[in-house]
C-alpha cells in the first residue's frame, strides 16, 4: 500500500508512541519514510497537544543603546565601546 490515508497515519503514529521504538527504528521496521512520518505527525498534531518545540525568535534590539565594556580598578575606570 503506497498511499496511506490520514486515518492510517494516525494509527501508525499511535502505534509508534505506544511502542518502545524510536521513530527511526519504527519506520525502518515497517519500511516507512521517516520524513513522511514526521510530516503526517505534524499535520495530525492535536490543537490541545502542541509540539514540544517552538520556533524561537530574536528579540528586537534597541539600536540607540551603545553597549560597552567597563573596567574599574580603584579610582581608575576605562570604558570600551563594543562593535555591534
PDB file of N, CA and C in Angstrom:
ATOM      1  N   UNK A   1       0.856  -1.184   0.000  1.00  0.00           N
ATOM      2  CA  UNK A   1       0.000   0.000   0.000  1.00  0.00           C
ATOM      3  C   UNK A   1       0.892   1.235   0.000  1.00  0.00           C
ATOM      4  N   UNK A   2       0.970   1.921  -1.134  1.00  0.00           N
ATOM      5  CA  UNK A   2       1.861   3.068  -1.256  1.00  0.00           C
ATOM      6  C   UNK A   2       1.305   4.304  -0.571  1.00  0.00           C
ATOM      7  N   UNK A   3       0.082   4.660  -0.863  1.00  0.00           N
ATOM      8  CA  UNK A   3      -0.510   5.876  -0.315  1.00  0.00           C
ATOM      9  C   UNK A   3      -1.398   5.522   0.870  1.00  0.00           C
ATOM     10  N   UNK A   4      -1.095   6.150   1.993  1.00  0.00           N
ATOM     11  CA  UNK A   4      -1.854   5.866   3.208  1.00  0.00           C
ATOM     12  C   UNK A   4      -2.827   7.005   3.488  1.00  0.00           C
ATOM     13  N   UNK A   5      -3.953   6.669   4.049  1.00  0.00           N
ATOM     14  CA  UNK A   5      -4.933   7.679   4.423  1.00  0.00           C
ATOM     15  C   UNK A   5      -4.470   8.364   5.703  1.00  0.00           C
ATOM     16  N   UNK A   6      -5.070   9.507   5.989  1.00  0.00           N
ATOM     17  CA  UNK A   6      -4.755  10.193   7.247  1.00  0.00           C
ATOM     18  C   UNK A   6      -5.077   9.304   8.446  1.00  0.00           C
ATOM     19  N   UNK A   7      -6.155   8.547   8.338  1.00  0.00           N
ATOM     20  CA  UNK A   7      -6.521   7.652   9.442  1.00  0.00           C
ATOM     21  C   UNK A   7      -5.456   6.576   9.647  1.00  0.00           C
ATOM     22  N   UNK A   8      -4.907   6.056   8.559  1.00  0.00           N
ATOM     23  CA  UNK A   8      -3.839   5.051   8.670  1.00  0.00           C
ATOM     24  C   UNK A   8      -2.595   5.659   9.312  1.00  0.00           C
ATOM     25  N   UNK A   9      -2.252   6.903   8.924  1.00  0.00           N
ATOM     26  CA  UNK A   9      -1.117   7.576   9.547  1.00  0.00           C
ATOM     27  C   UNK A   9      -1.371   7.806  11.037  1.00  0.00           C
ATOM     28  N   UNK A  10      -2.598   8.156  11.374  1.00  0.00           N
ATOM     29  CA  UNK A  10      -2.953   8.357  12.786  1.00  0.00           C
ATOM     30  C   UNK A  10      -2.718   7.063  13.573  1.00  0.00           C
ATOM     31  N   UNK A  11      -3.123   5.935  12.993  1.00  0.00           N
ATOM     32  CA  UNK A  11      -2.908   4.630  13.647  1.00  0.00           C
ATOM     33  C   UNK A  11      -1.419   4.325  13.797  1.00  0.00           C
ATOM     34  N   UNK A  12      -0.652   4.581  12.741  1.00  0.00           N
ATOM     35  CA  UNK A  12       0.784   4.318  12.789  1.00  0.00           C
ATOM     36  C   UNK A  12       1.482   5.186  13.840  1.00  0.00           C
ATOM     37  N   UNK A  13       1.091   6.438  13.929  1.00  0.00           N
ATOM     38  CA  UNK A  13       1.681   7.347  14.912  1.00  0.00           C
ATOM     39  C   UNK A  13       1.351   6.885  16.322  1.00  0.00           C
ATOM     40  N   UNK A  14       0.116   6.449  16.531  1.00  0.00           N
ATOM     41  CA  UNK A  14      -0.291   5.922  17.840  1.00  0.00           C
ATOM     42  C   UNK A  14       0.486   4.656  18.172  1.00  0.00           C
ATOM     43  N   UNK A  15       0.658   3.784  17.195  1.00  0.00           N
ATOM     44  CA  UNK A  15       1.436   2.552  17.410  1.00  0.00           C
ATOM     45  C   UNK A  15       2.875   2.878  17.804  1.00  0.00           C
ATOM     46  N   UNK A  16       3.481   3.826  17.113  1.00  0.00           N
ATOM     47  CA  UNK A  16       4.863   4.181  17.420  1.00  0.00           C
ATOM     48  C   UNK A  16       4.967   4.752  18.826  1.00  0.00           C
ATOM     49  N   UNK A  17       4.028   5.614  19.205  1.00  0.00           N
ATOM     50  CA  UNK A  17       4.071   6.232  20.528  1.00  0.00           C
ATOM     51  C   UNK A  17       3.919   5.205  21.645  1.00  0.00           C
ATOM     52  N   UNK A  18       3.145   4.156  21.398  1.00  0.00           N
ATOM     53  CA  UNK A  18       2.957   3.139  22.429  1.00  0.00           C
ATOM     54  C   UNK A  18       4.051   2.070  22.391  1.00  0.00           C
ATOM     55  N   UNK A  19       4.841   2.063  21.337  1.00  0.00           N
ATOM     56  CA  UNK A  19       5.949   1.100  21.260  1.00  0.00           C
ATOM     57  C   UNK A  19       7.141   1.665  22.024  1.00  0.00           C
ATOM     58  N   UNK A  20       8.148   0.862  22.201  1.00  0.00           N
ATOM     59  CA  UNK A  20       9.374   1.338  22.842  1.00  0.00           C
ATOM     60  C   UNK A  20      10.429   1.680  21.800  1.00  0.00           C
ATOM     61  N   UNK A  21       9.986   1.793  20.555  1.00  0.00           N
ATOM     62  CA  UNK A  21      10.912   2.065  19.453  1.00  0.00           C
ATOM     63  C   UNK A  21      11.014   3.562  19.175  1.00  0.00           C
ATOM     64  N   UNK A  22      12.194   3.970  18.725  1.00  0.00           N
ATOM     65  CA  UNK A  22      12.333   5.341  18.246  1.00  0.00           C
ATOM     66  C   UNK A  22      11.578   5.454  16.922  1.00  0.00           C
ATOM     67  N   UNK A  23      11.351   6.668  16.489  1.00  0.00           N
ATOM     68  CA  UNK A  23      10.662   6.866  15.209  1.00  0.00           C
ATOM     69  C   UNK A  23      11.474   6.251  14.075  1.00  0.00           C
ATOM     70  N   UNK A  24      12.781   6.440  14.110  1.00  0.00           N
ATOM     71  CA  UNK A  24      13.644   5.886  13.050  1.00  0.00           C
ATOM     72  C   UNK A  24      13.539   4.365  13.018  1.00  0.00           C
ATOM     73  N   UNK A  25      13.649   3.720  14.179  1.00  0.00           N
ATOM     74  CA  UNK A  25      13.572   2.252  14.223  1.00  0.00           C
ATOM     75  C   UNK A  25      12.187   1.746  13.818  1.00  0.00           C
ATOM     76  N   UNK A  26      11.144   2.431  14.268  1.00  0.00           N
ATOM     77  CA  UNK A  26       9.772   2.060  13.917  1.00  0.00           C
ATOM     78  C   UNK A  26       9.578   2.138  12.401  1.00  0.00           C
ATOM     79  N   UNK A  27      10.052   3.227  11.804  1.00  0.00           N
ATOM     80  CA  UNK A  27       9.902   3.400  10.359  1.00  0.00           C
ATOM     81  C   UNK A  27      10.717   2.367   9.577  1.00  0.00           C
ATOM     82  N   UNK A  28      11.917   2.062  10.059  1.00  0.00           N
ATOM     83  CA  UNK A  28      12.721   1.028   9.389  1.00  0.00           C
ATOM     84  C   UNK A  28      12.005  -0.312   9.432  1.00  0.00           C
ATOM     85  N   UNK A  29      11.447  -0.648  10.595  1.00  0.00           N
ATOM     86  CA  UNK A  29      10.780  -1.928  10.762  1.00  0.00           C
ATOM     87  C   UNK A  29       9.590  -2.071   9.800  1.00  0.00           C
ATOM     88  N   UNK A  30       8.841  -0.986   9.610  1.00  0.00           N
ATOM     89  CA  UNK A  30       7.663  -1.028   8.745  1.00  0.00           C
ATOM     90  C   UNK A  30       7.928  -0.484   7.341  1.00  0.00           C
ATOM     91  N   UNK A  31       9.190  -0.191   7.063  1.00  0.00           N
ATOM     92  CA  UNK A  31       9.574   0.354   5.753  1.00  0.00           C
ATOM     93  C   UNK A  31       8.791   1.615   5.407  1.00  0.00           C
ATOM     94  N   UNK A  32       8.768   2.521   6.375  1.00  0.00           N
ATOM     95  CA  UNK A  32       8.107   3.809   6.183  1.00  0.00           C
ATOM     96  C   UNK A  32       9.175   4.878   6.004  1.00  0.00           C
ATOM     97  N   UNK A  33       8.832   5.909   5.293  1.00  0.00           N
ATOM     98  CA  UNK A  33       9.716   7.053   5.162  1.00  0.00           C
ATOM     99  C   UNK A  33       9.636   7.867   6.452  1.00  0.00           C
ATOM    100  N   UNK A  34      10.790   8.132   7.070  1.00  0.00           N
ATOM    101  CA  UNK A  34      10.763   8.929   8.310  1.00  0.00           C
ATOM    102  C   UNK A  34      10.282  10.349   8.025  1.00  0.00           C
ATOM    103  N   UNK A  35      10.648  10.893   6.872  1.00  0.00           N
ATOM    104  CA  UNK A  35      10.192  12.250   6.561  1.00  0.00           C
ATOM    105  C   UNK A  35       8.670  12.295   6.424  1.00  0.00           C
ATOM    106  N   UNK A  36       8.076  11.269   5.830  1.00  0.00           N
ATOM    107  CA  UNK A  36       6.611  11.206   5.734  1.00  0.00           C
ATOM    108  C   UNK A  36       5.996  11.056   7.122  1.00  0.00           C
ATOM    109  N   UNK A  37       6.625  10.247   7.967  1.00  0.00           N
ATOM    110  CA  UNK A  37       6.107  10.057   9.319  1.00  0.00           C
ATOM    111  C   UNK A  37       6.062  11.403  10.055  1.00  0.00           C
ATOM    112  N   UNK A  38       7.171  12.142  10.005  1.00  0.00           N
ATOM    113  CA  UNK A  38       7.208  13.444  10.677  1.00  0.00           C
ATOM    114  C   UNK A  38       6.215  14.422  10.054  1.00  0.00           C
ATOM    115  N   UNK A  39       6.084  14.383   8.732  1.00  0.00           N
ATOM    116  CA  UNK A  39       5.152  15.284   8.033  1.00  0.00           C
ATOM    117  C   UNK A  39       3.721  15.042   8.499  1.00  0.00           C
ATOM    118  N   UNK A  40       3.304  13.769   8.498  1.00  0.00           N
ATOM    119  CA  UNK A  40       1.926  13.479   8.888  1.00  0.00           C
ATOM    120  C   UNK A  40       1.709  13.651  10.392  1.00  0.00           C
ATOM    121  N   UNK A  41       2.721  13.372  11.176  1.00  0.00           N
ATOM    122  CA  UNK A  41       2.592  13.600  12.610  1.00  0.00           C
ATOM    123  C   UNK A  41       2.344  15.088  12.877  1.00  0.00           C
ATOM    124  N   UNK A  42       3.053  15.960  12.124  1.00  0.00           N
ATOM    125  CA  UNK A  42       2.843  17.407  12.261  1.00  0.00           C
ATOM    126  C   UNK A  42       1.448  17.825  11.818  1.00  0.00           C
ATOM    127  N   UNK A  43       0.965  17.225  10.732  1.00  0.00           N
ATOM    128  CA  UNK A  43      -0.374  17.559  10.228  1.00  0.00           C
ATOM    129  C   UNK A  43      -1.469  17.110  11.186  1.00  0.00           C
ATOM    130  N   UNK A  44      -1.238  15.983  11.857  1.00  0.00           N
ATOM    131  CA  UNK A  44      -2.263  15.419  12.724  1.00  0.00           C
ATOM    132  C   UNK A  44      -2.119  15.857  14.182  1.00  0.00           C
ATOM    133  N   UNK A  45      -1.204  16.770  14.456  1.00  0.00           N
ATOM    134  CA  UNK A  45      -0.979  17.236  15.819  1.00  0.00           C
ATOM    135  C   UNK A  45      -2.275  17.820  16.387  1.00  0.00           C
ATOM    136  N   UNK A  46      -2.619  17.366  17.569  1.00  0.00           N
ATOM    137  CA  UNK A  46      -3.840  17.839  18.220  1.00  0.00           C
ATOM    138  C   UNK A  46      -3.652  19.287  18.687  1.00  0.00           C
ATOM    139  N   UNK A  47      -4.676  20.146  18.552  1.00  0.00           N
ATOM    140  CA  UNK A  47      -4.546  21.537  18.999  1.00  0.00           C
ATOM    141  C   UNK A  47      -4.275  21.641  20.507  1.00  0.00           C
ATOM    142  N   UNK A  48      -4.826  20.711  21.299  1.00  0.00           N
ATOM    143  CA  UNK A  48      -4.605  20.770  22.746  1.00  0.00           C
ATOM    144  C   UNK A  48      -3.314  20.055  23.146  1.00  0.00           C
ATOM    145  N   UNK A  49      -2.580  19.524  22.180  1.00  0.00           N
ATOM    146  CA  UNK A  49      -1.312  18.854  22.434  1.00  0.00           C
ATOM    147  C   UNK A  49      -0.268  19.460  21.496  1.00  0.00           C
ATOM    148  N   UNK A  50       0.164  20.703  21.794  1.00  0.00           N
ATOM    149  CA  UNK A  50       1.061  21.406  20.879  1.00  0.00           C
ATOM    150  C   UNK A  50       2.422  20.721  20.791  1.00  0.00           C
ATOM    151  N   UNK A  51       3.187  21.022  19.746  1.00  0.00           N
ATOM    152  CA  UNK A  51       4.512  20.429  19.611  1.00  0.00           C
ATOM    153  C   UNK A  51       5.393  20.799  20.807  1.00  0.00           C
ATOM    154  N   UNK A  52       6.363  19.947  21.085  1.00  0.00           N
ATOM    155  CA  UNK A  52       7.237  20.190  22.232  1.00  0.00           C
ATOM    156  C   UNK A  52       8.230  21.306  21.979  1.00  0.00           C
ATOM    157  N   UNK A  53       8.506  21.581  20.715  1.00  0.00           N
ATOM    158  CA  UNK A  53       9.451  22.621  20.378  1.00  0.00           C
ATOM    159  C   UNK A  53       8.719  23.725  19.636  1.00  0.00           C
ATOM    160  N   UNK A  54       9.078  24.944  19.925  1.00  0.00           N
ATOM    161  CA  UNK A  54       8.512  26.076  19.208  1.00  0.00           C
ATOM    162  C   UNK A  54       9.664  26.878  18.620  1.00  0.00           C
ATOM    163  N   UNK A  55       9.396  27.550  17.543  1.00  0.00           N
ATOM    164  CA  UNK A  55      10.425  28.336  16.889  1.00  0.00           C
ATOM    165  C   UNK A  55      10.756  29.553  17.752  1.00  0.00           C
ATOM    166  N   UNK A  56      12.014  29.730  18.025  1.00  0.00           N
ATOM    167  CA  UNK A  56      12.459  30.885  18.805  1.00  0.00           C
ATOM    168  C   UNK A  56      12.761  32.043  17.861  1.00  0.00           C
ATOM    169  N   UNK A  57      12.581  33.226  18.339  1.00  0.00           N
ATOM    170  CA  UNK A  57      12.908  34.392  17.526  1.00  0.00           C
ATOM    171  C   UNK A  57      13.788  35.328  18.340  1.00  0.00           C
ATOM    172  N   UNK A  58      14.609  36.074  17.625  1.00  0.00           N
ATOM    173  CA  UNK A  58      15.476  37.036  18.296  1.00  0.00           C
ATOM    174  C   UNK A  58      14.655  38.257  18.692  1.00  0.00           C
ATOM    175  N   UNK A  59      14.888  38.767  19.889  1.00  0.00           N
ATOM    176  CA  UNK A  59      14.185  39.995  20.261  1.00  0.00           C
ATOM    177  C   UNK A  59      14.741  41.170  19.475  1.00  0.00           C
ATOM    178  N   UNK A  60      13.914  42.180  19.262  1.00  0.00           N
ATOM    179  CA  UNK A  60      14.377  43.393  18.599  1.00  0.00           C
ATOM    180  C   UNK A  60      15.363  44.100  19.526  1.00  0.00           C
ATOM    181  N   UNK A  61      16.460  44.547  18.959  1.00  0.00           N
ATOM    182  CA  UNK A  61      17.492  45.217  19.740  1.00  0.00           C
ATOM    183  C   UNK A  61      17.350  46.718  19.548  1.00  0.00           C
ATOM    184  N   UNK A  62      17.367  47.432  20.662  1.00  0.00           N
ATOM    185  CA  UNK A  62      17.298  48.886  20.613  1.00  0.00           C
ATOM    186  C   UNK A  62      18.645  49.402  20.117  1.00  0.00           C
ATOM    187  N   UNK A  63      18.700  49.913  18.900  1.00  0.00           N
ATOM    188  CA  UNK A  63      19.950  50.342  18.280  1.00  0.00           C
ATOM    189  C   UNK A  63      20.467  51.647  18.886  1.00  0.00           C
ATOM    190  N   UNK A  64      19.657  52.342  19.675  1.00  0.00           N
ATOM    191  CA  UNK A  64      20.110  53.603  20.260  1.00  0.00           C
ATOM    192  C   UNK A  64      21.011  53.375  21.468  1.00  0.00           C
ATOM    193  N   UNK A  65      20.990  52.175  22.031  1.00  0.00           N
ATOM    194  CA  UNK A  65      21.845  51.878  23.170  1.00  0.00           C
ATOM    195  C   UNK A  65      23.196  51.417  22.647  1.00  0.00           C
ATOM    196  N   UNK A  66      24.251  52.039  23.109  1.00  0.00           N
ATOM    197  CA  UNK A  66      25.599  51.682  22.706  1.00  0.00           C
ATOM    198  C   UNK A  66      26.222  50.811  23.797  1.00  0.00           C
ATOM    199  N   UNK A  67      26.322  49.501  23.559  1.00  0.00           N
ATOM    200  CA  UNK A  67      26.914  48.638  24.578  1.00  0.00           C
ATOM    201  C   UNK A  67      28.399  48.926  24.734  1.00  0.00           C
ATOM    202  N   UNK A  68      28.904  48.751  25.942  1.00  0.00           N
ATOM    203  CA  UNK A  68      30.316  48.961  26.188  1.00  0.00           C
ATOM    204  C   UNK A  68      30.777  48.044  27.306  1.00  0.00           C
ATOM    205  N   UNK A  69      32.092  47.944  27.425  1.00  0.00           N
ATOM    206  CA  UNK A  69      32.697  47.171  28.496  1.00  0.00           C
ATOM    207  C   UNK A  69      33.444  48.167  29.373  1.00  0.00           C
ATOM    208  N   UNK A  70      33.208  48.092  30.667  1.00  0.00           N
ATOM    209  CA  UNK A  70      33.886  48.996  31.590  1.00  0.00           C
ATOM    210  C   UNK A  70      34.719  48.192  32.575  1.00  0.00           C
ATOM    211  N   UNK A  71      35.921  48.711  32.839  1.00  0.00           N
ATOM    212  CA  UNK A  71      36.819  48.102  33.811  1.00  0.00           C
ATOM    213  C   UNK A  71      37.162  49.167  34.837  1.00  0.00           C
ATOM    214  N   UNK A  72      36.990  48.823  36.087  1.00  0.00           N
ATOM    215  CA  UNK A  72      37.289  49.788  37.152  1.00  0.00           C
ATOM    216  C   UNK A  72      38.303  49.170  38.099  1.00  0.00           C
ATOM    217  N   UNK A  73      39.356  49.915  38.375  1.00  0.00           N
ATOM    218  CA  UNK A  73      40.382  49.483  39.310  1.00  0.00           C
ATOM    219  C   UNK A  73      40.653  50.660  40.243  1.00  0.00           C
ATOM    220  N   UNK A  74      40.119  50.567  41.429  1.00  0.00           N
ATOM    221  CA  UNK A  74      40.259  51.679  42.383  1.00  0.00           C
ATOM    222  C   UNK A  74      39.581  52.919  41.847  1.00  0.00           C
ATOM    223  N   UNK A  75      40.364  54.005  41.685  1.00  0.00           N
ATOM    224  CA  UNK A  75      39.826  55.281  41.206  1.00  0.00           C
ATOM    225  C   UNK A  75      39.807  55.382  39.686  1.00  0.00           C
ATOM    226  N   UNK A  76      40.420  54.426  38.995  1.00  0.00           N
ATOM    227  CA  UNK A  76      40.546  54.484  37.534  1.00  0.00           C
ATOM    228  C   UNK A  76      39.475  53.625  36.890  1.00  0.00           C
ATOM    229  N   UNK A  77      38.822  54.190  35.869  1.00  0.00           N
ATOM    230  CA  UNK A  77      37.783  53.459  35.153  1.00  0.00           C
ATOM    231  C   UNK A  77      38.042  53.616  33.647  1.00  0.00           C
ATOM    232  N   UNK A  78      38.032  52.495  32.954  1.00  0.00           N
ATOM    233  CA  UNK A  78      38.182  52.503  31.496  1.00  0.00           C
ATOM    234  C   UNK A  78      36.929  51.942  30.874  1.00  0.00           C
ATOM    235  N   UNK A  79      36.455  52.572  29.789  1.00  0.00           N
ATOM    236  CA  UNK A  79      35.285  52.078  29.066  1.00  0.00           C
ATOM    237  C   UNK A  79      35.651  51.873  27.611  1.00  0.00           C
ATOM    238  N   UNK A  80      35.223  50.751  27.063  1.00  0.00           N
ATOM    239  CA  UNK A  80      35.491  50.416  25.666  1.00  0.00           C
ATOM    240  C   UNK A  80      34.168  50.137  24.979  1.00  0.00           C
ATOM    241  N   UNK A  81      33.917  50.846  23.857  1.00  0.00           N
ATOM    242  CA  UNK A  81      32.677  50.508  23.114  1.00  0.00           C
ATOM    243  C   UNK A  81      32.847  49.147  22.456  1.00  0.00           C
ATOM    244  N   UNK A  82      31.754  48.402  22.377  1.00  0.00           N
ATOM    245  CA  UNK A  82      31.811  47.107  21.708  1.00  0.00           C
ATOM    246  C   UNK A  82      31.191  47.245  20.327  1.00  0.00           C
ATOM    247  N   UNK A  83      31.763  46.569  19.333  1.00  0.00           N
ATOM    248  CA  UNK A  83      31.181  46.647  17.984  1.00  0.00           C
ATOM    249  C   UNK A  83      29.840  45.918  17.932  1.00  0.00           C
ATOM    250  N   UNK A  84      28.921  46.451  17.178  1.00  0.00           N
ATOM    251  CA  UNK A  84      27.596  45.832  17.041  1.00  0.00           C
ATOM    252  C   UNK A  84      27.511  45.015  15.814  1.00  0.00           C
TER     253      UNK A  84
END
